């Protein structure tokens, strides 16, 4: 027995006409008949019958009317009390982000924490992935804002420079190069390398190695890994020299687990970018998060971005190989 069936029965008892009940409740006469049929089945007896003028209640129908009228009224009063006094639940506000692995791990958490502190009613979800995955999430509207290490290929995605990032060679603290004072690029490339795999899409590691190869340098790859954590674990086992963003290594370097190799003749610098869809637009909360991201932007004052983006302007790479004396 359902409340809407009782409401229908009360209306029938009031008007004794399916036509008038239909106008009152905005239901078809067949719909009214079906509800009454179900109610009669649940009660187990006939509640009304048709006569020449319309409808009349049976004795069971009149008894049911007496019993349910105050009960339905009380239930309606309870529901109205809750509607008036209890606040309506609001739809949860969610800002969906997408970030490259290194940025999501090392940069975004502090920005998200600041945002959530001033926006207690907003939840921030952050997806991590490859550059292609991040761009796809934004294109499909599944992420409102992305922070990526590559510029987007789609013209529908807006792009703003975010931060300058350095990629560095690093070794286990017990590696022979760890204690060398003067290190050249040739010294590094004489060792086997541990790098990110391209299975998830292009990486800066492969762009750098491609440029090195074009400039005549030779190198050997000992192992390709799925992500930065796997690269670090392989380097920790002395499998080879790793190449990673410096932000990924700060805690390990502080614990003297790894040593960053610094040489006078090599330096790798890239830009990261803030991305957002121009087609889907941003929610008010996402606009506020974007403003916070812009505040956290770190671009050298007066720095020409072409000096950073260098040879590969469409991706943001500046490969400097100073004082190179040999083709390797």
Protein backbone atom coordinates (compact mmCIF):
# COMPACT_ATOMS: atom_id res chain seq x y z
CA UNK A 1 0.00 0.00 0.00
CA UNK A 2 1.53 3.32 -1.09
CA UNK A 3 0.79 6.90 -0.11
CA UNK A 4 -0.08 7.94 -3.66
CA UNK A 5 -2.68 5.15 -3.82
CA UNK A 6 -4.29 6.44 -0.61
CA UNK A 7 -4.30 9.99 -1.99
CA UNK A 8 -6.05 8.72 -5.10
CA UNK A 9 -8.62 6.82 -3.03
CA UNK A 10 -9.33 9.94 -0.90
CA UNK A 11 -9.86 11.98 -4.06
CA UNK A 12 -12.26 9.33 -5.44
CA UNK A 13 -14.17 9.32 -2.14
CA UNK A 14 -14.39 13.12 -2.30
CA UNK A 15 -15.54 13.55 -5.92
CA UNK A 16 -17.08 10.13 -6.67
CA UNK A 17 -16.10 10.75 -10.29
CA UNK A 18 -13.03 9.52 -12.15
CA UNK A 19 -13.25 12.50 -14.49
CA UNK A 20 -13.01 15.03 -11.66
CA UNK A 21 -10.25 13.04 -9.92
CA UNK A 22 -8.34 13.02 -13.20
CA UNK A 23 -8.51 16.83 -13.38
CA UNK A 24 -7.57 17.21 -9.71
CA UNK A 25 -4.57 14.87 -9.72
CA UNK A 26 -3.50 15.33 -13.37
CA UNK A 27 -3.73 11.58 -13.96
CA UNK A 28 -5.43 9.64 -16.70
CA UNK A 29 -8.60 7.76 -15.79
CA UNK A 30 -6.89 4.48 -16.68
CA UNK A 31 -4.00 5.39 -14.34
CA UNK A 32 -6.46 6.08 -11.54
CA UNK A 33 -8.22 2.76 -12.14
CA UNK A 34 -4.89 0.89 -11.99
CA UNK A 35 -3.96 2.49 -8.66
CA UNK A 36 -7.34 1.67 -7.18
CA UNK A 37 -7.10 -1.91 -8.47
CA UNK A 38 -3.74 -2.38 -6.75
CA UNK A 39 -5.13 -0.86 -3.53
CA UNK A 40 -8.14 -3.20 -3.60
CA UNK A 41 -5.80 -6.16 -4.17
CA UNK A 42 -3.68 -5.15 -1.16
CA UNK A 43 -6.78 -4.59 1.05
CA UNK A 44 -8.35 -7.82 -0.20
CA UNK A 45 -11.83 -6.48 -0.93
CA UNK A 46 -13.76 -4.14 -3.26
CA UNK A 47 -13.70 -0.51 -2.15
CA UNK A 48 -16.03 1.08 -4.72
CA UNK A 49 -18.47 0.26 -7.47
CA UNK A 50 -19.84 2.12 -10.43
CA UNK A 51 -23.46 3.34 -10.61
CA UNK A 52 -25.43 5.35 -13.12
CA UNK A 53 -24.18 8.67 -11.77
CA UNK A 54 -20.50 7.74 -11.28
CA UNK A 55 -18.92 5.94 -8.31
CA UNK A 56 -20.08 4.96 -4.85
CA UNK A 57 -18.02 3.47 -2.04
CA UNK A 58 -18.74 0.03 -0.72
CA UNK A 59 -19.09 -0.55 3.00
CA UNK A 60 -15.41 -1.58 3.10
CA UNK A 61 -14.54 1.59 1.18
CA UNK A 62 -16.40 3.79 3.68
CA UNK A 63 -14.66 2.03 6.58
CA UNK A 64 -11.24 2.50 4.93
CA UNK A 65 -12.04 6.20 4.37
CA UNK A 66 -12.77 6.69 8.09
CA UNK A 67 -9.57 4.91 9.12
CA UNK A 68 -7.05 6.41 6.71
CA UNK A 69 -8.18 10.08 6.61
CA UNK A 70 -6.56 11.08 9.93
CA UNK A 71 -3.55 8.83 9.30
CA UNK A 72 -2.82 10.40 5.90
CA UNK A 73 -3.28 13.89 7.38
CA UNK A 74 -0.79 13.11 10.18
CA UNK A 75 1.74 11.74 7.70
CA UNK A 76 1.41 14.82 5.49
CA UNK A 77 1.94 17.07 8.55
CA UNK A 78 5.14 15.18 9.43
CA UNK A 79 6.48 15.46 5.89
CA UNK A 80 5.69 19.17 5.76
CA UNK A 81 7.48 19.73 9.08
CA UNK A 82 10.63 18.11 7.72
CA UNK A 83 10.40 20.06 4.47
CA UNK A 84 10.18 23.37 6.36
CA UNK A 85 12.73 22.81 9.14
CA UNK A 86 15.44 20.60 7.67
CA UNK A 87 17.89 22.23 5.26
CA UNK A 88 17.82 20.84 1.79
CA UNK A 89 20.87 18.77 0.95
CA UNK A 90 23.01 20.51 -1.64
CA UNK A 91 24.65 18.79 -4.52
CA UNK A 92 28.31 18.16 -3.61
CA UNK A 93 30.73 20.64 -5.22
CA UNK A 94 33.70 18.86 -6.80
CA UNK A 95 36.68 20.27 -8.66
CA UNK A 96 38.32 17.63 -10.81
CA UNK A 97 42.01 18.02 -11.63
CA UNK A 98 44.50 16.08 -13.73
CA UNK A 99 48.25 16.30 -13.20
CA UNK A 100 51.44 14.80 -14.56
CA UNK A 101 53.01 12.32 -12.14
CA UNK A 102 55.79 14.56 -10.82
CA UNK A 103 53.55 17.64 -10.51
CA UNK A 104 50.69 15.70 -8.89
CA UNK A 105 53.08 14.25 -6.33
CA UNK A 106 55.22 17.29 -5.53
CA UNK A 107 53.40 20.50 -6.43
CA UNK A 108 49.63 20.07 -6.37
CA UNK A 109 49.14 18.64 -2.83
CA UNK A 110 50.10 21.89 -1.07
CA UNK A 111 47.96 23.96 -3.45
CA UNK A 112 44.98 21.62 -2.96
CA UNK A 113 45.43 21.83 0.83
CA UNK A 114 45.35 25.65 0.72
CA UNK A 115 42.25 25.60 -1.47
CA UNK A 116 40.36 23.12 0.72
CA UNK A 117 41.19 25.19 3.81
CA UNK A 118 39.38 28.20 2.35
CA UNK A 119 36.69 26.15 0.57
CA UNK A 120 35.51 23.60 3.21
CA UNK A 121 32.44 22.63 1.17
CA UNK A 122 34.39 21.75 -1.97
CA UNK A 123 36.04 18.39 -2.72
CA UNK A 124 39.07 18.29 -5.00
CA UNK A 125 39.73 15.11 -6.98
CA UNK A 126 43.09 14.76 -8.68
CA UNK A 127 43.83 12.24 -11.43
CA UNK A 128 47.40 11.46 -12.45
CA UNK A 129 48.47 10.26 -15.84
CA UNK A 130 50.53 10.73 -18.95
CA UNK A 131 50.34 13.90 -21.03
CA UNK A 132 47.98 12.23 -23.49
CA UNK A 133 45.71 11.00 -20.69
CA UNK A 134 45.58 14.45 -19.09
CA UNK A 135 44.66 16.11 -22.37
CA UNK A 136 41.98 13.49 -22.99
CA UNK A 137 40.45 13.99 -19.53
CA UNK A 138 40.16 17.73 -20.16
CA UNK A 139 38.85 17.31 -23.72
CA UNK A 140 36.13 14.95 -22.50
CA UNK A 141 35.16 17.22 -19.61
CA UNK A 142 36.16 14.65 -16.97
CA UNK A 143 38.76 17.06 -15.56
CA UNK A 144 38.28 20.82 -15.45
CA UNK A 145 41.92 21.81 -14.95
CA UNK A 146 45.16 20.02 -15.77
CA UNK A 147 48.81 20.68 -15.06
CA UNK A 148 50.97 19.03 -17.66
CA UNK A 149 54.55 18.85 -18.84
CA UNK A 150 53.55 19.27 -22.49
CA UNK A 151 51.54 21.84 -24.38
CA UNK A 152 48.18 20.50 -25.60
CA UNK A 153 47.66 19.44 -29.19
CA UNK A 154 43.97 20.42 -29.20
CA UNK A 155 43.08 24.02 -30.04
CA UNK A 156 40.07 23.70 -27.69
CA UNK A 157 42.34 23.55 -24.65
CA UNK A 158 43.72 26.80 -23.22
CA UNK A 159 47.34 26.72 -22.10
CA UNK A 160 49.28 28.95 -19.70
CA UNK A 161 52.92 28.55 -18.57
CA UNK A 162 53.08 27.37 -14.97
CA UNK A 163 56.56 26.50 -13.74
CA UNK A 164 60.10 26.01 -14.93
CA UNK A 165 61.25 22.48 -14.16
CA UNK A 166 64.71 20.98 -14.18
CA UNK A 167 65.51 17.41 -15.19
CA UNK A 168 68.66 15.98 -13.68
CA UNK A 169 70.81 12.90 -13.83
CA UNK A 170 71.07 11.13 -10.49
CA UNK A 171 72.81 8.08 -9.03
CA UNK A 172 72.82 5.91 -5.95
CA UNK A 173 75.01 7.48 -3.27
CA UNK A 174 77.39 4.51 -3.63
CA UNK A 175 77.80 4.96 -7.41
CA UNK A 176 81.36 5.89 -8.61
CA UNK A 177 80.08 9.19 -10.05
CA UNK A 178 78.54 10.19 -6.71
CA UNK A 179 81.87 11.43 -5.34
CA UNK A 180 83.32 12.87 -8.56
CA UNK A 181 83.92 16.61 -8.40
CA UNK A 182 83.96 17.34 -12.10
CA UNK A 183 81.46 15.48 -14.26
CA UNK A 184 80.86 15.91 -17.97
CA UNK A 185 77.98 14.76 -20.10
CA UNK A 186 80.28 12.14 -21.62
CA UNK A 187 81.01 10.77 -18.13
CA UNK A 188 77.29 10.36 -17.51
CA UNK A 189 76.51 8.80 -20.89
CA UNK A 190 79.34 6.31 -20.46
CA UNK A 191 77.13 4.67 -17.82
CA UNK A 192 73.94 2.72 -18.59
CA UNK A 193 70.78 4.78 -18.17
CA UNK A 194 67.50 4.08 -16.37
CA UNK A 195 64.66 5.98 -18.03
CA UNK A 196 60.87 6.31 -18.28
CA UNK A 197 59.15 4.11 -20.83
CA UNK A 198 57.23 5.63 -23.75
CA UNK A 199 54.40 3.09 -23.40
CA UNK A 200 52.11 5.75 -21.93
CA UNK A 201 53.06 8.39 -24.50
CA UNK A 202 55.97 10.78 -25.09
CA UNK A 203 58.26 11.75 -22.22
CA UNK A 204 60.84 14.45 -21.77
CA UNK A 205 63.45 11.78 -21.18
CA UNK A 206 63.05 10.48 -24.72
CA UNK A 207 62.98 14.00 -26.15
CA UNK A 208 66.26 14.78 -24.41
CA UNK A 209 67.90 11.54 -25.55
CA UNK A 210 66.66 12.15 -29.08
CA UNK A 211 68.29 15.58 -29.12
CA UNK A 212 71.51 14.14 -27.67
CA UNK A 213 71.56 11.54 -30.39
CA UNK A 214 71.01 14.20 -33.06
CA UNK A 215 74.02 16.08 -31.66
CA UNK A 216 76.22 13.02 -31.94
CA UNK A 217 76.16 11.70 -28.40
CA UNK A 218 75.93 7.97 -27.79
CA UNK A 219 74.27 6.29 -24.84
CA UNK A 220 73.03 2.91 -23.63
CA UNK A 221 69.70 2.27 -21.91
CA UNK A 222 69.86 -0.39 -19.20
CA UNK A 223 66.18 -0.32 -18.21
CA UNK A 224 62.92 1.42 -19.13
CA UNK A 225 60.38 1.85 -16.29
CA UNK A 226 56.69 2.67 -16.18
CA UNK A 227 56.99 5.64 -13.83
CA UNK A 228 59.30 7.83 -11.73
CA UNK A 229 59.03 5.60 -8.64
CA UNK A 230 60.24 2.59 -10.63
CA UNK A 231 63.11 4.66 -12.05
CA UNK A 232 64.19 5.58 -8.51
CA UNK A 233 63.99 1.98 -7.31
CA UNK A 234 66.17 0.81 -10.22
CA UNK A 235 68.75 3.52 -9.51
CA UNK A 236 68.69 2.58 -5.82
CA UNK A 237 69.75 -0.92 -6.92
CA UNK A 238 72.65 0.55 -8.92
CA UNK A 239 71.24 -0.58 -12.26
CA UNK A 240 72.30 2.70 -13.83
CA UNK A 241 72.08 6.49 -13.92
CA UNK A 242 68.55 7.86 -13.71
CA UNK A 243 67.00 10.95 -15.30
CA UNK A 244 64.18 12.62 -13.40
CA UNK A 245 62.64 15.93 -12.39
CA UNK A 246 64.51 17.43 -9.47
CA UNK A 247 61.25 17.77 -7.49
CA UNK A 248 60.94 13.97 -7.46
CA UNK A 249 64.31 13.62 -5.77
CA UNK A 250 64.49 16.30 -3.09
CA UNK A 251 63.46 14.06 -0.18
CA UNK A 252 65.76 11.22 -1.30
CA UNK A 253 68.70 13.59 -1.79
CA UNK A 254 68.11 15.05 1.69
CA UNK A 255 68.28 11.50 3.10
CA UNK A 256 71.47 10.93 1.06
CA UNK A 257 69.87 8.07 -0.81
CA UNK A 258 70.69 9.68 -4.16
CA UNK A 259 73.18 12.21 -5.48
CA UNK A 260 72.24 14.65 -8.24
CA UNK A 261 74.95 14.92 -10.90
CA UNK A 262 75.84 18.48 -11.81
CA UNK A 263 78.01 19.22 -14.81
CA UNK A 264 79.23 22.39 -16.47
CA UNK A 265 78.31 21.13 -19.93
CA UNK A 266 74.72 19.91 -19.49
CA UNK A 267 71.47 21.36 -18.24
CA UNK A 268 67.90 20.30 -18.99
CA UNK A 269 65.01 22.69 -18.44
CA UNK A 270 61.34 22.36 -19.32
CA UNK A 271 58.12 24.25 -18.75
CA UNK A 272 54.97 22.86 -17.21
CA UNK A 273 51.58 24.23 -18.22
CA UNK A 274 48.13 24.91 -16.79
CA UNK A 275 45.45 23.49 -19.10
CA UNK A 276 41.68 23.97 -19.16
CA UNK A 277 38.96 23.44 -21.73
CA UNK A 278 37.65 26.43 -23.65
CA UNK A 279 34.75 24.32 -24.90
CA UNK A 280 33.39 23.00 -21.61
CA UNK A 281 34.14 26.05 -19.46
CA UNK A 282 34.88 26.06 -15.73
CA UNK A 283 32.62 25.86 -12.70
CA UNK A 284 32.82 28.77 -10.19
CA UNK A 285 34.87 26.61 -7.80
CA UNK A 286 37.25 25.61 -10.61
CA UNK A 287 37.70 29.30 -11.52
CA UNK A 288 38.79 29.95 -7.93
CA UNK A 289 41.19 27.00 -8.01
CA UNK A 290 42.63 28.32 -11.29
CA UNK A 291 43.28 31.67 -9.60
CA UNK A 292 45.18 29.87 -6.84
CA UNK A 293 47.24 27.97 -9.42
CA UNK A 294 48.14 31.25 -11.09
CA UNK A 295 49.30 32.61 -7.74
CA UNK A 296 51.57 29.55 -7.39
CA UNK A 297 53.05 30.10 -10.84
CA UNK A 298 56.86 30.26 -10.85
CA UNK A 299 58.29 31.80 -13.99
CA UNK A 300 61.52 33.84 -13.69
CA UNK A 301 60.70 37.55 -13.84
CA UNK A 302 61.69 39.06 -17.17
CA UNK A 303 62.63 35.64 -18.54
CA UNK A 304 61.94 35.17 -22.21
CA UNK A 305 60.00 31.92 -22.45
CA UNK A 306 61.73 31.21 -25.76
CA UNK A 307 64.94 30.89 -23.74
CA UNK A 308 63.28 28.09 -21.82
CA UNK A 309 61.37 26.46 -24.63
CA UNK A 310 64.42 26.66 -26.88
CA UNK A 311 64.72 24.26 -29.79
CA UNK A 312 61.46 22.41 -29.12
CA UNK A 313 59.21 25.42 -28.65
CA UNK A 314 56.01 23.43 -29.12
CA UNK A 315 56.87 21.24 -26.14
CA UNK A 316 58.98 23.41 -23.89
CA UNK A 317 62.50 21.93 -23.95
CA UNK A 318 65.77 23.82 -23.65
CA UNK A 319 68.75 21.50 -24.02
CA UNK A 320 72.05 23.19 -23.22
CA UNK A 321 75.26 21.31 -23.96
CA UNK A 322 78.00 23.78 -23.22
CA UNK A 323 81.72 23.37 -23.94
CA UNK A 324 81.24 20.11 -25.77
CA UNK A 325 84.64 18.94 -26.96
CA UNK A 326 83.69 15.62 -28.49
CA UNK A 327 80.82 14.12 -30.43
CA UNK A 328 80.80 11.13 -28.09
